[in-house]
Amino acid sequence: MGKILIVDDEPTILELFRYVFEDAGHEVTLASNGRQALDALGRGLPDFMVLDVAMPEMSGREFVAELKKRAAVNPRLAAIPFVVMTGENFLDMTLNGIFSSAPGFVCFFPKMVPPARVLDKAREVLNG
């Protein structure tokens, strides 16, 4: 199974997604903001990421901007597929443009998406 990085500032969501992905046989790393996610990337690249937008210290937007910069030096970063979970209106052109232009972007999910739907998307992406 794959290595999954889940980035969200809500402990309940982190634990729920950890349970669902680990139960499906994945190795899970958790980060509560973009800065922690960048640190996690420094320890090893995941096969798939689940990313929140609004977080303290470093938001999902800032994380993706930094990921784009670092991908210029390390192209393997650009190959990491990720989904974005947000309570914001992901049809907003600004929000949509930030993420949809990022290498690896797969799709948006509303924040309260059932974790099984995100797991299904991860399986789809990881199994090609």
C-alpha atoms as a PDB file:
ATOM      1  CA  MET A   1       0.000   0.000   0.000  1.00  0.00           C
ATOM      2  CA  GLY A   2       0.977   3.649  -0.216  1.00  0.00           C
ATOM      3  CA  LYS A   3       2.410   6.316   2.032  1.00  0.00           C
ATOM      4  CA  ILE A   4      -0.173   9.006   2.759  1.00  0.00           C
ATOM      5  CA  LEU A   5       0.396  12.501   4.171  1.00  0.00           C
ATOM      6  CA  ILE A   6      -2.691  14.071   5.733  1.00  0.00           C
ATOM      7  CA  VAL A   7      -2.467  17.810   6.430  1.00  0.00           C
ATOM      8  CA  ASP A   8      -5.234  19.403   8.497  1.00  0.00           C
ATOM      9  CA  ASP A   9      -5.384  21.569  11.608  1.00  0.00           C
ATOM     10  CA  GLU A  10      -8.381  19.740  13.100  1.00  0.00           C
ATOM     11  CA  PRO A  11      -7.246  16.824  15.303  1.00  0.00           C
ATOM     12  CA  THR A  12     -10.551  14.995  14.843  1.00  0.00           C
ATOM     13  CA  ILE A  13     -10.189  15.019  11.060  1.00  0.00           C
ATOM     14  CA  LEU A  14      -6.549  13.945  11.274  1.00  0.00           C
ATOM     15  CA  GLU A  15      -7.421  10.970  13.470  1.00  0.00           C
ATOM     16  CA  LEU A  16     -10.469   9.994  11.419  1.00  0.00           C
ATOM     17  CA  PHE A  17      -8.505  10.001   8.175  1.00  0.00           C
ATOM     18  CA  ARG A  18      -5.575   8.221   9.851  1.00  0.00           C
ATOM     19  CA  TYR A  19      -7.911   5.453  10.950  1.00  0.00           C
ATOM     20  CA  VAL A  20      -9.550   5.073   7.510  1.00  0.00           C
ATOM     21  CA  PHE A  21      -6.273   5.036   5.577  1.00  0.00           C
ATOM     22  CA  GLU A  22      -4.412   2.805   8.051  1.00  0.00           C
ATOM     23  CA  ASP A  23      -7.360   0.406   8.127  1.00  0.00           C
ATOM     24  CA  ALA A  24      -6.983   0.157   4.332  1.00  0.00           C
ATOM     25  CA  GLY A  25      -3.304  -0.768   4.778  1.00  0.00           C
ATOM     26  CA  HIS A  26      -1.628   2.576   4.109  1.00  0.00           C
ATOM     27  CA  GLU A  27       1.238   4.095   6.078  1.00  0.00           C
ATOM     28  CA  VAL A  28       0.035   7.488   7.343  1.00  0.00           C
ATOM     29  CA  THR A  29       1.897  10.632   8.393  1.00  0.00           C
ATOM     30  CA  LEU A  30      -0.005  13.525   9.952  1.00  0.00           C
ATOM     31  CA  ALA A  31       0.733  17.253   9.841  1.00  0.00           C
ATOM     32  CA  SER A  32      -1.360  20.015  11.419  1.00  0.00           C
ATOM     33  CA  ASN A  33      -0.161  22.778   9.061  1.00  0.00           C
ATOM     34  CA  GLY A  34       1.839  23.357   5.909  1.00  0.00           C
ATOM     35  CA  ARG A  35       5.111  23.883   7.764  1.00  0.00           C
ATOM     36  CA  GLN A  36       4.834  20.469   9.422  1.00  0.00           C
ATOM     37  CA  ALA A  37       3.927  18.999   6.036  1.00  0.00           C
ATOM     38  CA  LEU A  38       7.116  20.441   4.489  1.00  0.00           C
ATOM     39  CA  ASP A  39       9.104  18.949   7.367  1.00  0.00           C
ATOM     40  CA  ALA A  40       7.438  15.588   6.705  1.00  0.00           C
ATOM     41  CA  LEU A  41       8.386  15.815   3.013  1.00  0.00           C
ATOM     42  CA  GLY A  42      11.987  16.274   4.116  1.00  0.00           C
ATOM     43  CA  ARG A  43      11.829  12.913   5.900  1.00  0.00           C
ATOM     44  CA  GLY A  44      10.352  11.034   2.957  1.00  0.00           C
ATOM     45  CA  LEU A  45       7.983  11.578   0.075  1.00  0.00           C
ATOM     46  CA  PRO A  46       4.426  10.289   0.301  1.00  0.00           C
ATOM     47  CA  ASP A  47       2.586   8.631  -2.549  1.00  0.00           C
ATOM     48  CA  PHE A  48      -0.526  10.761  -1.971  1.00  0.00           C
ATOM     49  CA  MET A  49      -1.507  13.821   0.098  1.00  0.00           C
ATOM     50  CA  VAL A  50      -4.761  15.097   1.568  1.00  0.00           C
ATOM     51  CA  LEU A  51      -4.498  18.856   2.131  1.00  0.00           C
ATOM     52  CA  ASP A  52      -6.667  21.332   4.031  1.00  0.00           C
ATOM     53  CA  VAL A  53      -6.739  24.981   2.925  1.00  0.00           C
ATOM     54  CA  ALA A  54      -7.222  27.085   6.075  1.00  0.00           C
ATOM     55  CA  MET A  55      -4.570  26.252   8.694  1.00  0.00           C
ATOM     56  CA  PRO A  56      -2.437  28.240  11.136  1.00  0.00           C
ATOM     57  CA  GLU A  57       1.285  28.916  10.596  1.00  0.00           C
ATOM     58  CA  MET A  58       1.230  27.868   6.934  1.00  0.00           C
ATOM     59  CA  SER A  59      -2.011  27.487   4.995  1.00  0.00           C
ATOM     60  CA  GLY A  60      -2.649  25.029   2.202  1.00  0.00           C
ATOM     61  CA  ARG A  61      -2.216  27.886  -0.274  1.00  0.00           C
ATOM     62  CA  GLU A  62       1.209  28.753   1.152  1.00  0.00           C
ATOM     63  CA  PHE A  63       2.187  25.083   1.270  1.00  0.00           C
ATOM     64  CA  VAL A  64       1.354  24.601  -2.417  1.00  0.00           C
ATOM     65  CA  ALA A  65       3.250  27.774  -3.359  1.00  0.00           C
ATOM     66  CA  GLU A  66       6.312  26.478  -1.516  1.00  0.00           C
ATOM     67  CA  LEU A  67       5.848  23.024  -3.025  1.00  0.00           C
ATOM     68  CA  LYS A  68       5.897  24.587  -6.515  1.00  0.00           C
ATOM     69  CA  LYS A  69       9.164  26.399  -5.698  1.00  0.00           C
ATOM     70  CA  ARG A  70      10.804  23.285  -4.291  1.00  0.00           C
ATOM     71  CA  ALA A  71       9.630  21.178  -7.243  1.00  0.00           C
ATOM     72  CA  ALA A  72      11.867  23.293  -9.479  1.00  0.00           C
ATOM     73  CA  VAL A  73      14.831  21.873  -7.550  1.00  0.00           C
ATOM     74  CA  ASN A  74      13.357  18.432  -6.787  1.00  0.00           C
ATOM     75  CA  PRO A  75      11.020  17.329  -9.610  1.00  0.00           C
ATOM     76  CA  ARG A  76       9.857  14.336  -7.552  1.00  0.00           C
ATOM     77  CA  LEU A  77       7.838  16.796  -5.442  1.00  0.00           C
ATOM     78  CA  ALA A  78       5.794  17.731  -8.504  1.00  0.00           C
ATOM     79  CA  ALA A  79       4.828  14.098  -8.967  1.00  0.00           C
ATOM     80  CA  ILE A  80       3.042  13.748  -5.602  1.00  0.00           C
ATOM     81  CA  PRO A  81      -0.696  13.641  -6.258  1.00  0.00           C
ATOM     82  CA  PHE A  82      -2.893  15.487  -3.776  1.00  0.00           C
ATOM     83  CA  VAL A  83      -6.508  16.318  -3.090  1.00  0.00           C
ATOM     84  CA  VAL A  84      -7.690  19.472  -1.374  1.00  0.00           C
ATOM     85  CA  MET A  85     -10.383  19.442   1.308  1.00  0.00           C
ATOM     86  CA  THR A  86     -11.912  22.790   2.066  1.00  0.00           C
ATOM     87  CA  GLY A  87     -14.861  24.470   3.688  1.00  0.00           C
ATOM     88  CA  GLU A  88     -14.270  27.389   1.330  1.00  0.00           C
ATOM     89  CA  ASN A  89     -15.945  27.742  -2.042  1.00  0.00           C
ATOM     90  CA  PHE A  90     -13.565  25.821  -4.277  1.00  0.00           C
ATOM     91  CA  LEU A  91     -15.377  27.176  -7.323  1.00  0.00           C
ATOM     92  CA  ASP A  92     -13.912  30.587  -6.454  1.00  0.00           C
ATOM     93  CA  MET A  93     -11.555  31.354  -9.327  1.00  0.00           C
ATOM     94  CA  THR A  94      -8.708  32.507  -7.073  1.00  0.00           C
ATOM     95  CA  LEU A  95      -8.801  29.397  -4.894  1.00  0.00           C
ATOM     96  CA  ASN A  96      -9.303  27.166  -7.896  1.00  0.00           C
ATOM     97  CA  GLY A  97      -6.390  28.740  -9.774  1.00  0.00           C
ATOM     98  CA  ILE A  98      -3.968  28.355  -6.875  1.00  0.00           C
ATOM     99  CA  PHE A  99      -4.488  24.638  -6.586  1.00  0.00           C
ATOM    100  CA  SER A 100      -5.519  23.488 -10.050  1.00  0.00           C
ATOM    101  CA  SER A 101      -2.317  24.922 -11.541  1.00  0.00           C
ATOM    102  CA  ALA A 102      -0.169  23.018  -9.043  1.00  0.00           C
ATOM    103  CA  PRO A 103       1.650  19.909 -10.177  1.00  0.00           C
ATOM    104  CA  GLY A 104       0.018  16.881  -8.617  1.00  0.00           C
ATOM    105  CA  PHE A 105      -3.402  18.450  -8.012  1.00  0.00           C
ATOM    106  CA  VAL A 106      -6.159  15.860  -8.421  1.00  0.00           C
ATOM    107  CA  CYS A 107      -9.419  17.393  -7.198  1.00  0.00           C
ATOM    108  CA  PHE A 108     -11.294  19.299  -4.502  1.00  0.00           C
ATOM    109  CA  PHE A 109     -13.510  17.777  -1.822  1.00  0.00           C
ATOM    110  CA  PRO A 110     -15.823  19.647   0.549  1.00  0.00           C
ATOM    111  CA  LYS A 111     -14.428  19.633   4.085  1.00  0.00           C
ATOM    112  CA  MET A 112     -17.028  17.234   5.455  1.00  0.00           C
ATOM    113  CA  VAL A 113     -16.523  14.613   2.742  1.00  0.00           C
ATOM    114  CA  PRO A 114     -16.847  11.022   3.933  1.00  0.00           C
ATOM    115  CA  PRO A 115     -13.281   9.730   4.345  1.00  0.00           C
ATOM    116  CA  ALA A 116     -14.166   6.665   2.274  1.00  0.00           C
ATOM    117  CA  ARG A 117     -14.619   8.908  -0.802  1.00  0.00           C
ATOM    118  CA  VAL A 118     -11.136  10.341  -0.335  1.00  0.00           C
ATOM    119  CA  LEU A 119      -9.759   6.828   0.173  1.00  0.00           C
ATOM    120  CA  ASP A 120     -11.463   5.723  -3.061  1.00  0.00           C
ATOM    121  CA  LYS A 121      -9.865   8.655  -4.917  1.00  0.00           C
ATOM    122  CA  ALA A 122      -6.447   7.782  -3.467  1.00  0.00           C
ATOM    123  CA  ARG A 123      -6.856   4.168  -4.596  1.00  0.00           C
ATOM    124  CA  GLU A 124      -7.885   5.340  -8.070  1.00  0.00           C
ATOM    125  CA  VAL A 125      -4.849   7.619  -8.367  1.00  0.00           C
ATOM    126  CA  LEU A 126      -2.365   5.169  -6.849  1.00  0.00           C
ATOM    127  CA  ASN A 127      -3.561   2.261  -8.978  1.00  0.00           C
ATOM    128  CA  GLY A 128      -3.370   4.356 -12.138  1.00  0.00           C
END
